[in-house]
Amino acid sequence: MGNVVQLNTVEDWQSKLRSSSDKPVFVFKHSTRCPVSADAYDQYMIYMNREPNPEVEYCLVHVVESRPVSNAISEALSLKHESPQAILIKDGKVAWHTSHWRITKESLKENLK
């Protein structure tokens, strides 16, 4: 499986946002209390276990446990908070995002290539 960095602090997030100038950053916002998010997380893990793009840095945010981080992401990117939510960031800007049932191993493979 590819490496996934869990973002636990706003400082962790700000560092990853800055690093998106060097390498695309993918953020998966996951609610540990939501069955839809659990299904999307399963799709994310299938993608990560099969063929993650090594040119992308992968991050995970547990939105309930790390609400300030989740809020900071939404604010910095001018995106409405959703959970689950998949966000690809390049040069500090959203290159692609989707949420809920649209997060599939196929959509991840297609958009993170």
N, C-alpha and C. Protein backbone atom coordinates (compact mmCIF):
# COMPACT_ATOMS: atom_id res chain seq x y z
N MET A 1 0.84 -1.18 0.00
CA MET A 1 0.00 0.00 0.00
C MET A 1 0.89 1.24 0.00
N GLY A 2 0.43 2.26 -0.68
CA GLY A 2 1.15 3.52 -0.68
C GLY A 2 1.12 4.15 0.71
N ASN A 3 1.96 5.11 0.93
CA ASN A 3 2.02 5.78 2.23
C ASN A 3 0.91 6.82 2.34
N VAL A 4 0.20 6.81 3.44
CA VAL A 4 -0.83 7.78 3.73
C VAL A 4 -0.44 8.50 5.01
N VAL A 5 -0.42 9.82 4.96
CA VAL A 5 -0.08 10.64 6.11
C VAL A 5 -1.38 11.15 6.73
N GLN A 6 -1.56 10.90 8.00
CA GLN A 6 -2.74 11.43 8.67
C GLN A 6 -2.47 12.85 9.12
N LEU A 7 -3.38 13.76 8.77
CA LEU A 7 -3.25 15.16 9.16
C LEU A 7 -4.01 15.36 10.47
N ASN A 8 -3.27 15.62 11.54
CA ASN A 8 -3.86 15.76 12.87
C ASN A 8 -3.93 17.19 13.37
N THR A 9 -3.13 18.06 12.76
CA THR A 9 -3.10 19.46 13.21
C THR A 9 -3.23 20.39 12.01
N VAL A 10 -3.62 21.61 12.28
CA VAL A 10 -3.72 22.62 11.22
C VAL A 10 -2.32 22.85 10.63
N GLU A 11 -1.30 22.77 11.46
CA GLU A 11 0.08 22.94 10.97
C GLU A 11 0.45 21.83 9.99
N ASP A 12 0.02 20.58 10.28
CA ASP A 12 0.25 19.47 9.34
C ASP A 12 -0.36 19.82 7.99
N TRP A 13 -1.61 20.29 8.02
CA TRP A 13 -2.32 20.63 6.79
C TRP A 13 -1.62 21.77 6.05
N GLN A 14 -1.24 22.81 6.74
CA GLN A 14 -0.58 23.95 6.09
C GLN A 14 0.72 23.53 5.42
N SER A 15 1.45 22.63 6.04
CA SER A 15 2.68 22.11 5.46
C SER A 15 2.40 21.35 4.16
N LYS A 16 1.36 20.51 4.17
CA LYS A 16 1.01 19.76 2.96
C LYS A 16 0.52 20.69 1.86
N LEU A 17 -0.24 21.70 2.22
CA LEU A 17 -0.71 22.66 1.22
C LEU A 17 0.48 23.34 0.56
N ARG A 18 1.47 23.75 1.35
CA ARG A 18 2.68 24.36 0.79
C ARG A 18 3.42 23.38 -0.12
N SER A 19 3.49 22.12 0.30
CA SER A 19 4.24 21.12 -0.48
C SER A 19 3.56 20.77 -1.80
N SER A 20 2.30 21.17 -1.97
CA SER A 20 1.60 20.86 -3.23
C SER A 20 2.19 21.63 -4.41
N SER A 21 3.08 22.56 -4.14
CA SER A 21 3.80 23.25 -5.22
C SER A 21 4.87 22.34 -5.82
N ASP A 22 5.35 21.37 -5.02
CA ASP A 22 6.38 20.45 -5.48
C ASP A 22 5.80 19.13 -5.98
N LYS A 23 4.72 18.69 -5.35
CA LYS A 23 4.14 17.38 -5.66
C LYS A 23 2.64 17.46 -5.36
N PRO A 24 1.79 16.93 -6.26
CA PRO A 24 0.35 16.95 -5.97
C PRO A 24 0.05 16.27 -4.64
N VAL A 25 -0.93 16.82 -3.93
CA VAL A 25 -1.35 16.29 -2.63
C VAL A 25 -2.82 15.88 -2.74
N PHE A 26 -3.11 14.66 -2.33
CA PHE A 26 -4.48 14.16 -2.31
C PHE A 26 -4.93 14.05 -0.86
N VAL A 27 -6.08 14.65 -0.55
CA VAL A 27 -6.63 14.60 0.80
C VAL A 27 -7.95 13.84 0.77
N PHE A 28 -8.04 12.84 1.62
CA PHE A 28 -9.30 12.11 1.81
C PHE A 28 -9.85 12.49 3.16
N LYS A 29 -11.01 13.14 3.17
CA LYS A 29 -11.69 13.52 4.42
C LYS A 29 -12.70 12.42 4.74
N HIS A 30 -12.53 11.82 5.90
CA HIS A 30 -13.29 10.62 6.27
C HIS A 30 -13.97 10.80 7.61
N SER A 31 -15.26 10.45 7.66
CA SER A 31 -15.99 10.43 8.92
C SER A 31 -16.05 9.00 9.42
N THR A 32 -15.55 8.79 10.62
CA THR A 32 -15.56 7.45 11.20
C THR A 32 -16.95 7.06 11.72
N ARG A 33 -17.91 7.96 11.59
CA ARG A 33 -19.28 7.70 12.07
C ARG A 33 -20.30 7.52 10.95
N CYS A 34 -19.87 7.55 9.71
CA CYS A 34 -20.80 7.58 8.59
C CYS A 34 -20.63 6.35 7.69
N PRO A 35 -21.70 5.60 7.42
CA PRO A 35 -21.58 4.42 6.56
C PRO A 35 -21.21 4.76 5.11
N VAL A 36 -21.65 5.89 4.61
CA VAL A 36 -21.27 6.30 3.25
C VAL A 36 -19.76 6.55 3.21
N SER A 37 -19.25 7.20 4.24
CA SER A 37 -17.82 7.45 4.31
C SER A 37 -17.04 6.14 4.45
N ALA A 38 -17.59 5.19 5.18
CA ALA A 38 -16.93 3.88 5.32
C ALA A 38 -16.81 3.20 3.96
N ASP A 39 -17.86 3.28 3.15
CA ASP A 39 -17.80 2.69 1.80
C ASP A 39 -16.77 3.40 0.93
N ALA A 40 -16.74 4.73 0.99
CA ALA A 40 -15.76 5.50 0.21
C ALA A 40 -14.34 5.19 0.68
N TYR A 41 -14.16 5.05 1.99
CA TYR A 41 -12.85 4.71 2.55
C TYR A 41 -12.40 3.34 2.03
N ASP A 42 -13.32 2.39 1.96
CA ASP A 42 -13.00 1.07 1.40
C ASP A 42 -12.52 1.20 -0.05
N GLN A 43 -13.19 2.04 -0.83
CA GLN A 43 -12.78 2.26 -2.22
C GLN A 43 -11.38 2.89 -2.27
N TYR A 44 -11.13 3.84 -1.39
CA TYR A 44 -9.82 4.49 -1.29
C TYR A 44 -8.74 3.47 -0.96
N MET A 45 -9.01 2.59 -0.01
CA MET A 45 -8.03 1.58 0.38
C MET A 45 -7.79 0.56 -0.74
N ILE A 46 -8.81 0.21 -1.50
CA ILE A 46 -8.61 -0.68 -2.66
C ILE A 46 -7.67 0.00 -3.64
N TYR A 47 -7.93 1.27 -3.93
CA TYR A 47 -7.06 2.03 -4.83
C TYR A 47 -5.62 2.06 -4.28
N MET A 48 -5.47 2.38 -3.02
CA MET A 48 -4.14 2.49 -2.42
C MET A 48 -3.41 1.15 -2.40
N ASN A 49 -4.11 0.06 -2.24
CA ASN A 49 -3.49 -1.26 -2.20
C ASN A 49 -3.14 -1.80 -3.58
N ARG A 50 -3.78 -1.28 -4.61
CA ARG A 50 -3.54 -1.82 -5.95
C ARG A 50 -2.51 -1.04 -6.74
N GLU A 51 -2.76 0.22 -6.95
CA GLU A 51 -1.85 0.96 -7.82
C GLU A 51 -1.92 2.47 -7.60
N PRO A 52 -1.54 2.94 -6.43
CA PRO A 52 -1.53 4.39 -6.22
C PRO A 52 -0.46 5.05 -7.08
N ASN A 53 -0.74 6.25 -7.52
CA ASN A 53 0.22 7.00 -8.30
C ASN A 53 1.35 7.45 -7.37
N PRO A 54 2.58 7.01 -7.62
CA PRO A 54 3.70 7.37 -6.74
C PRO A 54 4.06 8.85 -6.82
N GLU A 55 3.51 9.56 -7.81
CA GLU A 55 3.80 10.99 -7.97
C GLU A 55 2.89 11.87 -7.12
N VAL A 56 2.00 11.24 -6.36
CA VAL A 56 1.04 11.97 -5.52
C VAL A 56 1.32 11.66 -4.05
N GLU A 57 1.19 12.67 -3.21
CA GLU A 57 1.29 12.47 -1.76
C GLU A 57 -0.12 12.31 -1.21
N TYR A 58 -0.34 11.26 -0.42
CA TYR A 58 -1.68 10.92 0.07
C TYR A 58 -1.83 11.27 1.54
N CYS A 59 -2.97 11.93 1.85
CA CYS A 59 -3.25 12.36 3.22
C CYS A 59 -4.66 11.94 3.61
N LEU A 60 -4.85 11.75 4.90
CA LEU A 60 -6.13 11.36 5.47
C LEU A 60 -6.47 12.29 6.62
N VAL A 61 -7.74 12.72 6.66
CA VAL A 61 -8.23 13.52 7.78
C VAL A 61 -9.47 12.84 8.33
N HIS A 62 -9.46 12.54 9.61
CA HIS A 62 -10.67 12.06 10.29
C HIS A 62 -11.44 13.31 10.73
N VAL A 63 -12.55 13.57 10.05
CA VAL A 63 -13.22 14.87 10.22
C VAL A 63 -13.83 15.07 11.60
N VAL A 64 -14.27 14.03 12.26
CA VAL A 64 -14.86 14.18 13.60
C VAL A 64 -13.75 14.44 14.62
N GLU A 65 -12.72 13.63 14.56
CA GLU A 65 -11.62 13.72 15.53
C GLU A 65 -10.72 14.93 15.29
N SER A 66 -10.64 15.38 14.05
CA SER A 66 -9.75 16.50 13.69
C SER A 66 -10.55 17.61 13.00
N ARG A 67 -11.62 18.03 13.64
CA ARG A 67 -12.50 19.05 13.05
C ARG A 67 -11.77 20.33 12.68
N PRO A 68 -10.85 20.87 13.49
CA PRO A 68 -10.15 22.09 13.09
C PRO A 68 -9.37 21.91 11.77
N VAL A 69 -8.80 20.75 11.57
CA VAL A 69 -8.06 20.48 10.32
C VAL A 69 -9.03 20.46 9.15
N SER A 70 -10.13 19.75 9.31
CA SER A 70 -11.14 19.68 8.26
C SER A 70 -11.66 21.07 7.90
N ASN A 71 -11.94 21.87 8.91
CA ASN A 71 -12.42 23.24 8.67
C ASN A 71 -11.36 24.09 7.96
N ALA A 72 -10.11 23.94 8.36
CA ALA A 72 -9.02 24.71 7.75
C ALA A 72 -8.87 24.36 6.27
N ILE A 73 -9.04 23.09 5.94
CA ILE A 73 -8.96 22.66 4.54
C ILE A 73 -10.07 23.31 3.73
N SER A 74 -11.29 23.23 4.24
CA SER A 74 -12.43 23.83 3.54
C SER A 74 -12.22 25.33 3.33
N GLU A 75 -11.76 25.99 4.37
CA GLU A 75 -11.55 27.43 4.29
C GLU A 75 -10.43 27.79 3.30
N ALA A 76 -9.30 27.11 3.41
CA ALA A 76 -8.15 27.43 2.55
C ALA A 76 -8.44 27.19 1.07
N LEU A 77 -9.26 26.18 0.80
CA LEU A 77 -9.52 25.81 -0.59
C LEU A 77 -10.85 26.36 -1.11
N SER A 78 -11.58 27.08 -0.26
CA SER A 78 -12.90 27.60 -0.61
C SER A 78 -13.83 26.50 -1.10
N LEU A 79 -13.81 25.38 -0.39
CA LEU A 79 -14.66 24.23 -0.70
C LEU A 79 -15.64 24.02 0.44
N LYS A 80 -16.88 23.73 0.09
CA LYS A 80 -17.86 23.35 1.10
C LYS A 80 -17.41 22.04 1.73
N HIS A 81 -17.49 21.95 3.05
CA HIS A 81 -17.13 20.71 3.73
C HIS A 81 -18.12 19.62 3.36
N GLU A 82 -17.59 18.48 3.00
CA GLU A 82 -18.39 17.29 2.78
C GLU A 82 -17.62 16.12 3.36
N SER A 83 -18.35 15.07 3.66
CA SER A 83 -17.71 13.88 4.19
C SER A 83 -18.52 12.66 3.78
N PRO A 84 -17.88 11.77 3.08
CA PRO A 84 -16.48 11.75 2.68
C PRO A 84 -16.22 12.74 1.54
N GLN A 85 -14.98 13.12 1.42
CA GLN A 85 -14.59 14.07 0.38
C GLN A 85 -13.18 13.74 -0.10
N ALA A 86 -13.00 13.79 -1.42
CA ALA A 86 -11.70 13.53 -2.04
C ALA A 86 -11.25 14.81 -2.74
N ILE A 87 -10.03 15.25 -2.44
CA ILE A 87 -9.53 16.52 -2.97
C ILE A 87 -8.09 16.34 -3.46
N LEU A 88 -7.86 16.69 -4.72
CA LEU A 88 -6.51 16.70 -5.29
C LEU A 88 -6.06 18.15 -5.38
N ILE A 89 -4.90 18.44 -4.83
CA ILE A 89 -4.39 19.81 -4.77
C ILE A 89 -3.07 19.89 -5.52
N LYS A 90 -2.98 20.87 -6.42
CA LYS A 90 -1.74 21.14 -7.14
C LYS A 90 -1.46 22.63 -7.03
N ASP A 91 -0.25 22.97 -6.69
CA ASP A 91 0.15 24.38 -6.56
C ASP A 91 -0.81 25.18 -5.67
N GLY A 92 -1.26 24.55 -4.59
CA GLY A 92 -2.10 25.24 -3.63
C GLY A 92 -3.55 25.43 -4.03
N LYS A 93 -3.94 24.83 -5.17
CA LYS A 93 -5.30 24.99 -5.67
C LYS A 93 -5.95 23.63 -5.92
N VAL A 94 -7.27 23.60 -5.86
CA VAL A 94 -8.00 22.37 -6.11
C VAL A 94 -7.92 22.02 -7.60
N ALA A 95 -7.38 20.85 -7.90
CA ALA A 95 -7.30 20.36 -9.27
C ALA A 95 -8.49 19.45 -9.59
N TRP A 96 -9.01 18.78 -8.55
CA TRP A 96 -10.16 17.88 -8.69
C TRP A 96 -10.71 17.61 -7.31
N HIS A 97 -12.03 17.46 -7.23
CA HIS A 97 -12.62 17.02 -5.97
C HIS A 97 -13.96 16.36 -6.25
N THR A 98 -14.35 15.51 -5.34
CA THR A 98 -15.65 14.84 -5.41
C THR A 98 -16.01 14.39 -4.00
N SER A 99 -17.20 13.84 -3.87
CA SER A 99 -17.62 13.40 -2.54
C SER A 99 -18.62 12.25 -2.63
N HIS A 100 -18.91 11.71 -1.48
CA HIS A 100 -19.91 10.67 -1.27
C HIS A 100 -19.74 9.48 -2.20
N TRP A 101 -20.82 9.06 -2.84
CA TRP A 101 -20.81 7.83 -3.65
C TRP A 101 -19.95 7.96 -4.91
N ARG A 102 -19.55 9.19 -5.26
CA ARG A 102 -18.71 9.36 -6.45
C ARG A 102 -17.24 9.01 -6.18
N ILE A 103 -16.91 8.73 -4.93
CA ILE A 103 -15.56 8.29 -4.59
C ILE A 103 -15.49 6.78 -4.80
N THR A 104 -14.90 6.39 -5.91
CA THR A 104 -14.75 4.97 -6.24
C THR A 104 -13.30 4.72 -6.62
N LYS A 105 -12.90 3.46 -6.58
CA LYS A 105 -11.53 3.14 -6.99
C LYS A 105 -11.29 3.59 -8.42
N GLU A 106 -12.32 3.51 -9.27
CA GLU A 106 -12.19 3.93 -10.67
C GLU A 106 -12.01 5.44 -10.78
N SER A 107 -12.82 6.21 -10.03
CA SER A 107 -12.70 7.67 -10.11
C SER A 107 -11.35 8.13 -9.57
N LEU A 108 -10.86 7.46 -8.54
CA LEU A 108 -9.54 7.81 -7.99
C LEU A 108 -8.45 7.48 -8.99
N LYS A 109 -8.51 6.31 -9.59
CA LYS A 109 -7.49 5.92 -10.56
C LYS A 109 -7.47 6.90 -11.73
N GLU A 110 -8.64 7.26 -12.22
CA GLU A 110 -8.74 8.17 -13.37
C GLU A 110 -8.23 9.57 -13.05
N ASN A 111 -8.57 10.09 -11.90
CA ASN A 111 -8.24 11.48 -11.59
C ASN A 111 -6.91 11.68 -10.89
N LEU A 112 -6.31 10.61 -10.39
CA LEU A 112 -5.01 10.73 -9.72
C LEU A 112 -3.87 10.19 -10.58
N LYS A 113 -4.14 9.93 -11.84
CA LYS A 113 -3.08 9.39 -12.71
C LYS A 113 -2.09 10.46 -13.14
